[in-house]
């Protein structure tokens, strides 16, 4: 029976990386900082929008489609940026490779949903709605397939881990 390896420190892990892996980690760190700044700026703009509309001007009517579209479009912008940042943090932790199909598909689905929310249906062509609907359906199918594949790959690893664990 093998003993589990002790957790390695950040410095030891950094030294064990190849030059390209260090480059990759540095780029991801810079992108993470930039996205965090973008999230803060988007959140600040959202707070200003709601505060000025609701408190100062008193014109915030969530039943008005234009207001609803503006506010929820801004909220989804923040959510998309947060999801993107989270997917980069997973890379920093080195749990997975640089590209995660499931995260990319999830971000794309969020972007399409945001587009549906901000669309003015009275001025949108039916073919555009059909195309967006087909895109979200295709992305949903891909997400389901990738998730199912991840689950099938994780099951043998979980069984193997359970078998090697002492009772």
Protein backbone atom coordinates (compact mmCIF):
# COMPACT_ATOMS: atom_id res chain seq x y z
CA UNK A 1 0.00 0.00 0.00
CA UNK A 2 1.34 3.43 -0.90
CA UNK A 3 1.21 6.31 1.50
CA UNK A 4 -0.43 9.52 0.33
CA UNK A 5 1.94 12.26 -0.70
CA UNK A 6 2.03 15.28 1.58
CA UNK A 7 0.68 18.48 0.07
CA UNK A 8 3.33 20.47 -1.69
CA UNK A 9 3.89 24.15 -1.02
CA UNK A 10 3.27 26.78 -3.63
CA UNK A 11 6.96 27.50 -4.10
CA UNK A 12 7.81 23.83 -4.51
CA UNK A 13 4.97 23.41 -6.98
CA UNK A 14 6.09 26.50 -8.93
CA UNK A 15 9.64 25.14 -9.15
CA UNK A 16 8.36 21.81 -10.46
CA UNK A 17 6.59 23.46 -13.41
CA UNK A 18 8.12 23.59 -16.85
CA UNK A 19 8.90 26.94 -18.46
CA UNK A 20 5.74 26.82 -20.53
CA UNK A 21 3.59 25.86 -17.52
CA UNK A 22 5.05 28.84 -15.62
CA UNK A 23 4.23 31.07 -18.60
CA UNK A 24 0.70 29.64 -18.75
CA UNK A 25 0.19 30.21 -15.02
CA UNK A 26 1.48 33.78 -15.28
CA UNK A 27 -0.89 34.58 -18.14
CA UNK A 28 -3.81 33.08 -16.23
CA UNK A 29 -2.89 35.15 -13.16
CA UNK A 30 -2.83 38.38 -15.20
CA UNK A 31 -6.14 37.49 -16.85
CA UNK A 32 -7.65 36.74 -13.44
CA UNK A 33 -6.63 40.16 -12.13
CA UNK A 34 -8.00 41.88 -15.26
CA UNK A 35 -11.30 40.02 -15.07
CA UNK A 36 -11.60 40.84 -11.36
CA UNK A 37 -11.21 44.52 -12.26
CA UNK A 38 -13.81 44.19 -15.01
CA UNK A 39 -16.22 42.49 -12.60
CA UNK A 40 -15.74 45.29 -10.09
CA UNK A 41 -16.31 47.94 -12.76
CA UNK A 42 -19.43 46.16 -14.07
CA UNK A 43 -20.76 45.75 -10.54
CA UNK A 44 -20.12 49.43 -9.80
CA UNK A 45 -22.00 50.44 -12.97
CA UNK A 46 -24.87 48.12 -12.06
CA UNK A 47 -25.07 49.60 -8.56
CA UNK A 48 -25.04 53.13 -9.98
CA UNK A 49 -27.75 52.24 -12.49
CA UNK A 50 -30.06 50.76 -9.89
CA UNK A 51 -29.33 53.41 -7.26
CA UNK A 52 -29.88 56.36 -9.57
CA UNK A 53 -32.96 54.84 -11.16
CA UNK A 54 -34.53 53.66 -7.92
CA UNK A 55 -33.49 56.15 -5.28
CA UNK A 56 -32.62 59.40 -6.97
CA UNK A 57 -34.83 59.61 -10.02
CA UNK A 58 -37.56 57.23 -8.83
CA UNK A 59 -38.16 55.90 -12.35
CA UNK A 60 -37.17 52.31 -11.66
CA UNK A 61 -40.12 50.23 -12.80
CA UNK A 62 -39.11 46.56 -13.11
CA UNK A 63 -42.30 45.81 -15.01
CA UNK A 64 -41.15 48.08 -17.83
CA UNK A 65 -39.49 45.77 -20.40
CA UNK A 66 -36.75 48.27 -21.23
CA UNK A 67 -35.77 48.63 -17.56
CA UNK A 68 -35.94 44.88 -17.05
CA UNK A 69 -33.73 44.27 -20.07
CA UNK A 70 -31.17 46.86 -19.01
CA UNK A 71 -30.89 45.74 -15.40
CA UNK A 72 -30.85 42.00 -16.04
CA UNK A 73 -28.51 42.43 -19.01
CA UNK A 74 -26.08 44.16 -16.63
CA UNK A 75 -26.57 41.43 -14.02
CA UNK A 76 -25.84 38.71 -16.56
CA UNK A 77 -22.73 40.58 -17.68
CA UNK A 78 -21.42 40.35 -14.11
CA UNK A 79 -22.41 36.67 -13.84
CA UNK A 80 -20.67 35.80 -17.13
CA UNK A 81 -17.49 37.56 -16.02
CA UNK A 82 -17.59 35.77 -12.65
CA UNK A 83 -18.02 32.39 -14.33
CA UNK A 84 -15.12 33.15 -16.64
CA UNK A 85 -12.96 34.17 -13.67
CA UNK A 86 -13.92 30.99 -11.80
CA UNK A 87 -12.90 28.86 -14.76
CA UNK A 88 -9.49 30.56 -14.75
CA UNK A 89 -9.08 29.95 -11.01
CA UNK A 90 -9.55 26.23 -11.63
CA UNK A 91 -6.62 26.40 -14.06
CA UNK A 92 -4.49 28.19 -11.44
CA UNK A 93 -5.21 25.37 -8.99
CA UNK A 94 -3.97 23.00 -11.70
CA UNK A 95 -6.91 20.68 -11.32
CA UNK A 96 -7.47 20.58 -15.07
CA UNK A 97 -5.82 21.67 -18.28
CA UNK A 98 -5.95 25.16 -19.69
CA UNK A 99 -9.12 24.62 -21.73
CA UNK A 100 -12.22 23.19 -20.08
CA UNK A 101 -14.94 22.48 -22.57
CA UNK A 102 -17.68 22.44 -19.94
CA UNK A 103 -16.76 25.92 -18.66
CA UNK A 104 -16.56 27.35 -22.17
CA UNK A 105 -19.97 25.90 -23.06
CA UNK A 106 -21.48 27.21 -19.81
CA UNK A 107 -20.16 30.72 -20.50
CA UNK A 108 -21.52 30.56 -24.06
CA UNK A 109 -24.92 29.47 -22.75
CA UNK A 110 -24.95 32.38 -20.29
CA UNK A 111 -24.07 34.78 -23.11
CA UNK A 112 -26.93 33.50 -25.28
CA UNK A 113 -29.37 33.73 -22.36
CA UNK A 114 -28.20 37.30 -21.77
CA UNK A 115 -28.84 38.04 -25.44
CA UNK A 116 -32.37 36.66 -25.12
CA UNK A 117 -32.99 38.92 -22.12
CA UNK A 118 -31.78 42.12 -23.74
CA UNK A 119 -33.48 41.52 -27.09
CA UNK A 120 -36.33 43.81 -28.05
CA UNK A 121 -38.76 41.21 -29.33
CA UNK A 122 -40.85 43.77 -31.19
CA UNK A 123 -37.88 44.64 -33.41
CA UNK A 124 -36.17 41.26 -33.68
CA UNK A 125 -36.58 39.09 -36.74
CA UNK A 126 -37.98 35.60 -36.24
CA UNK A 127 -34.96 34.02 -37.94
CA UNK A 128 -32.66 35.59 -35.34
CA UNK A 129 -34.78 34.14 -32.53
CA UNK A 130 -34.72 30.75 -34.24
CA UNK A 131 -30.94 30.93 -34.58
CA UNK A 132 -30.47 31.86 -30.91
CA UNK A 133 -32.86 29.07 -29.88
CA UNK A 134 -30.95 26.56 -31.99
CA UNK A 135 -27.66 27.79 -30.51
CA UNK A 136 -28.86 27.37 -26.92
CA UNK A 137 -30.26 23.92 -27.74
CA UNK A 138 -26.97 22.84 -29.33
CA UNK A 139 -24.96 24.24 -26.41
CA UNK A 140 -27.25 22.46 -23.96
CA UNK A 141 -26.74 19.15 -25.73
CA UNK A 142 -22.95 19.63 -25.79
CA UNK A 143 -22.97 20.55 -22.09
CA UNK A 144 -25.00 17.45 -21.26
CA UNK A 145 -22.68 15.21 -23.30
CA UNK A 146 -19.54 16.67 -21.74
CA UNK A 147 -21.00 16.43 -18.24
CA UNK A 148 -22.03 12.83 -18.88
CA UNK A 149 -18.53 12.01 -20.17
CA UNK A 150 -16.95 13.66 -17.11
CA UNK A 151 -19.21 11.61 -14.85
CA UNK A 152 -18.29 8.35 -16.61
CA UNK A 153 -14.58 9.16 -16.32
CA UNK A 154 -14.91 10.07 -12.63
CA UNK A 155 -16.72 6.86 -11.61
CA UNK A 156 -13.74 4.48 -12.13
CA UNK A 157 -11.43 6.91 -10.32
CA UNK A 158 -13.84 7.11 -7.37
CA UNK A 159 -14.14 3.32 -7.24
CA UNK A 160 -10.37 2.92 -7.40
CA UNK A 161 -9.93 5.45 -4.62
CA UNK A 162 -12.52 3.68 -2.44
CA UNK A 163 -10.81 0.31 -2.97
CA UNK A 164 -7.38 1.57 -1.91
CA UNK A 165 -8.69 3.40 1.19
CA UNK A 166 -8.23 1.46 4.46
CA UNK A 167 -11.46 0.39 6.21
